[in-house]
C-alpha atoms as a PDB file:
ATOM      1  CA  UNK A   1      -0.004  -0.189   0.281  1.00  0.00           C
ATOM      2  CA  UNK A   2       1.447   3.292  -1.124  1.00  0.00           C
ATOM      3  CA  UNK A   3       1.814   5.791   1.768  1.00  0.00           C
ATOM      4  CA  UNK A   4       3.096   9.126   2.096  1.00  0.00           C
ATOM      5  CA  UNK A   5       3.015  10.653   5.600  1.00  0.00           C
ATOM      6  CA  UNK A   6       3.566  14.326   6.036  1.00  0.00           C
ATOM      7  CA  UNK A   7       4.896  15.766   9.565  1.00  0.00           C
ATOM      8  CA  UNK A   8       6.614  18.654  10.657  1.00  0.00           C
ATOM      9  CA  UNK A   9       4.070  21.311  10.333  1.00  0.00           C
ATOM     10  CA  UNK A  10       2.580  23.764  13.116  1.00  0.00           C
ATOM     11  CA  UNK A  11       2.662  27.546  13.861  1.00  0.00           C
ATOM     12  CA  UNK A  12       5.499  29.882  12.870  1.00  0.00           C
ATOM     13  CA  UNK A  13       5.711  33.786  12.991  1.00  0.00           C
ATOM     14  CA  UNK A  14       6.432  35.799   9.850  1.00  0.00           C
ATOM     15  CA  UNK A  15       9.945  35.479   8.949  1.00  0.00           C
ATOM     16  CA  UNK A  16      10.389  32.047  10.803  1.00  0.00           C
ATOM     17  CA  UNK A  17      11.413  28.687   9.394  1.00  0.00           C
ATOM     18  CA  UNK A  18       9.750  25.004   9.370  1.00  0.00           C
ATOM     19  CA  UNK A  19      11.300  21.815   8.190  1.00  0.00           C
ATOM     20  CA  UNK A  20       8.516  19.427   7.113  1.00  0.00           C
ATOM     21  CA  UNK A  21       8.990  15.645   6.536  1.00  0.00           C
ATOM     22  CA  UNK A  22       7.423  13.092   4.165  1.00  0.00           C
ATOM     23  CA  UNK A  23       8.344   9.560   4.778  1.00  0.00           C
ATOM     24  CA  UNK A  24       7.278   7.336   1.868  1.00  0.00           C
ATOM     25  CA  UNK A  25       6.640   3.468   1.727  1.00  0.00           C
ATOM     26  CA  UNK A  26       4.973   1.037  -0.378  1.00  0.00           C
ATOM     27  CA  UNK A  27       6.826   1.690  -3.485  1.00  0.00           C
ATOM     28  CA  UNK A  28      10.048   2.395  -4.968  1.00  0.00           C
ATOM     29  CA  UNK A  29      10.813   5.863  -3.782  1.00  0.00           C
ATOM     30  CA  UNK A  30      13.900   6.326  -5.807  1.00  0.00           C
ATOM     31  CA  UNK A  31      11.950   5.542  -9.090  1.00  0.00           C
ATOM     32  CA  UNK A  32       9.829   8.713  -9.071  1.00  0.00           C
ATOM     33  CA  UNK A  33      10.100  12.458  -8.677  1.00  0.00           C
ATOM     34  CA  UNK A  34       8.255  13.721  -5.733  1.00  0.00           C
ATOM     35  CA  UNK A  35       6.061  16.812  -5.720  1.00  0.00           C
ATOM     36  CA  UNK A  36       5.188  19.000  -2.713  1.00  0.00           C
ATOM     37  CA  UNK A  37       1.996  20.825  -2.908  1.00  0.00           C
ATOM     38  CA  UNK A  38      -0.275  22.825  -0.612  1.00  0.00           C
ATOM     39  CA  UNK A  39      -4.136  23.505  -0.331  1.00  0.00           C
ATOM     40  CA  UNK A  40      -5.876  26.381   1.337  1.00  0.00           C
ATOM     41  CA  UNK A  41      -9.346  25.019   2.223  1.00  0.00           C
ATOM     42  CA  UNK A  42     -11.824  25.818  -0.309  1.00  0.00           C
ATOM     43  CA  UNK A  43      -9.095  26.337  -3.098  1.00  0.00           C
ATOM     44  CA  UNK A  44      -7.178  23.783  -5.483  1.00  0.00           C
ATOM     45  CA  UNK A  45      -4.129  22.263  -4.586  1.00  0.00           C
ATOM     46  CA  UNK A  46      -1.165  24.311  -5.671  1.00  0.00           C
ATOM     47  CA  UNK A  47       2.150  22.768  -6.751  1.00  0.00           C
ATOM     48  CA  UNK A  48       5.077  24.410  -4.716  1.00  0.00           C
ATOM     49  CA  UNK A  49       8.127  22.397  -5.692  1.00  0.00           C
ATOM     50  CA  UNK A  50       9.050  19.267  -7.210  1.00  0.00           C
ATOM     51  CA  UNK A  51      12.305  17.215  -7.039  1.00  0.00           C
ATOM     52  CA  UNK A  52      13.700  14.530  -9.591  1.00  0.00           C
ATOM     53  CA  UNK A  53      14.229  10.923  -8.464  1.00  0.00           C
ATOM     54  CA  UNK A  54      18.034  11.639  -8.048  1.00  0.00           C
ATOM     55  CA  UNK A  55      17.688  15.123  -6.798  1.00  0.00           C
ATOM     56  CA  UNK A  56      19.525  16.344  -9.933  1.00  0.00           C
ATOM     57  CA  UNK A  57      17.031  19.038 -10.518  1.00  0.00           C
ATOM     58  CA  UNK A  58      14.209  21.113  -8.411  1.00  0.00           C
ATOM     59  CA  UNK A  59      11.771  23.319  -9.326  1.00  0.00           C
ATOM     60  CA  UNK A  60       9.825  25.973  -7.332  1.00  0.00           C
ATOM     61  CA  UNK A  61       6.668  28.033  -7.329  1.00  0.00           C
ATOM     62  CA  UNK A  62       7.808  31.559  -8.121  1.00  0.00           C
ATOM     63  CA  UNK A  63       6.042  32.709  -4.811  1.00  0.00           C
ATOM     64  CA  UNK A  64       8.441  30.510  -2.672  1.00  0.00           C
ATOM     65  CA  UNK A  65      11.638  30.525  -4.842  1.00  0.00           C
ATOM     66  CA  UNK A  66      14.525  31.664  -2.727  1.00  0.00           C
ATOM     67  CA  UNK A  67      12.513  30.822   0.498  1.00  0.00           C
ATOM     68  CA  UNK A  68      11.810  27.141   0.334  1.00  0.00           C
ATOM     69  CA  UNK A  69      14.219  24.291  -0.432  1.00  0.00           C
ATOM     70  CA  UNK A  70      13.403  20.680  -1.360  1.00  0.00           C
ATOM     71  CA  UNK A  71      15.609  17.592  -0.697  1.00  0.00           C
ATOM     72  CA  UNK A  72      15.394  13.999  -0.486  1.00  0.00           C
ATOM     73  CA  UNK A  73      16.896  11.074   0.980  1.00  0.00           C
ATOM     74  CA  UNK A  74      16.186   7.840  -1.060  1.00  0.00           C
ATOM     75  CA  UNK A  75      17.937   5.644   1.374  1.00  0.00           C
ATOM     76  CA  UNK A  76      15.419   6.833   4.058  1.00  0.00           C
ATOM     77  CA  UNK A  77      12.630   7.211   1.530  1.00  0.00           C
ATOM     78  CA  UNK A  78      12.192  10.607   2.546  1.00  0.00           C
ATOM     79  CA  UNK A  79      11.545  14.112   1.427  1.00  0.00           C
ATOM     80  CA  UNK A  80      12.514  17.093   3.133  1.00  0.00           C
ATOM     81  CA  UNK A  81      10.791  20.321   2.289  1.00  0.00           C
ATOM     82  CA  UNK A  82      12.588  23.152   4.280  1.00  0.00           C
ATOM     83  CA  UNK A  83      10.350  26.404   4.589  1.00  0.00           C
ATOM     84  CA  UNK A  84      12.406  29.640   5.471  1.00  0.00           C
ATOM     85  CA  UNK A  85      11.305  33.407   5.710  1.00  0.00           C
ATOM     86  CA  UNK A  86       7.444  32.073   5.950  1.00  0.00           C
ATOM     87  CA  UNK A  87       4.990  34.631   5.074  1.00  0.00           C
ATOM     88  CA  UNK A  88       1.384  34.745   6.310  1.00  0.00           C
ATOM     89  CA  UNK A  89       0.385  33.616   2.719  1.00  0.00           C
ATOM     90  CA  UNK A  90       2.189  30.473   3.287  1.00  0.00           C
ATOM     91  CA  UNK A  91      -0.368  29.186   5.643  1.00  0.00           C
ATOM     92  CA  UNK A  92      -2.040  26.126   4.050  1.00  0.00           C
ATOM     93  CA  UNK A  93      -1.642  22.221   4.448  1.00  0.00           C
ATOM     94  CA  UNK A  94       1.125  20.844   2.740  1.00  0.00           C
ATOM     95  CA  UNK A  95       1.307  17.455   1.190  1.00  0.00           C
ATOM     96  CA  UNK A  96       3.719  15.308  -0.859  1.00  0.00           C
ATOM     97  CA  UNK A  97       3.032  12.879  -3.797  1.00  0.00           C
ATOM     98  CA  UNK A  98       4.525  10.967  -6.562  1.00  0.00           C
ATOM     99  CA  UNK A  99       3.514  11.668 -10.134  1.00  0.00           C
ATOM    100  CA  UNK A 100      -0.351  12.190  -9.992  1.00  0.00           C
ATOM    101  CA  UNK A 101      -0.961  10.538 -13.366  1.00  0.00           C
ATOM    102  CA  UNK A 102       0.150   7.341 -11.756  1.00  0.00           C
ATOM    103  CA  UNK A 103      -3.226   5.556 -10.160  1.00  0.00           C
ATOM    104  CA  UNK A 104      -0.880   4.727  -7.201  1.00  0.00           C
ATOM    105  CA  UNK A 105      -0.906   8.359  -6.210  1.00  0.00           C
ATOM    106  CA  UNK A 106      -4.143   9.066  -6.942  1.00  0.00           C
ATOM    107  CA  UNK A 107      -4.942   9.753  -3.303  1.00  0.00           C
ATOM    108  CA  UNK A 108      -3.601  12.402  -1.178  1.00  0.00           C
ATOM    109  CA  UNK A 109      -2.403  11.764   2.275  1.00  0.00           C
ATOM    110  CA  UNK A 110      -3.391  13.445   5.314  1.00  0.00           C
ATOM    111  CA  UNK A 111      -0.989  16.537   5.013  1.00  0.00           C
ATOM    112  CA  UNK A 112       0.405  18.524   7.509  1.00  0.00           C
ATOM    113  CA  UNK A 113      -0.717  22.073   8.519  1.00  0.00           C
ATOM    114  CA  UNK A 114       1.325  25.118   8.513  1.00  0.00           C
ATOM    115  CA  UNK A 115      -0.005  28.298  10.049  1.00  0.00           C
ATOM    116  CA  UNK A 116       2.090  31.462   9.930  1.00  0.00           C
ATOM    117  CA  UNK A 117       1.032  34.339  11.781  1.00  0.00           C
ATOM    118  CA  UNK A 118       2.037  38.171  11.214  1.00  0.00           C
END
């Protein structure tokens, strides 16, 4: 069973930092690029960043570029989203996922809530 379990969310003040984790199981983690998404209740999921399977390349949403960093450890089957210089508008539930066109990644995990206050 494919599982992606996000953790590390919480509350932070504007300008602060949070380090999230996403532990994967049930599939070959090193074989897939992984994306990091967020959702504000009532709105669509938004792709925040993605990283290739070998970490060779990472892409970021313009609004987070220079503040967020995504990395992965294939031996630990874990994704590490690092969030620095947080802004109030970063408040959302954050998720990780494999390629969404693959049926095994059709269901989102529980996500982890990030709340940033001014």
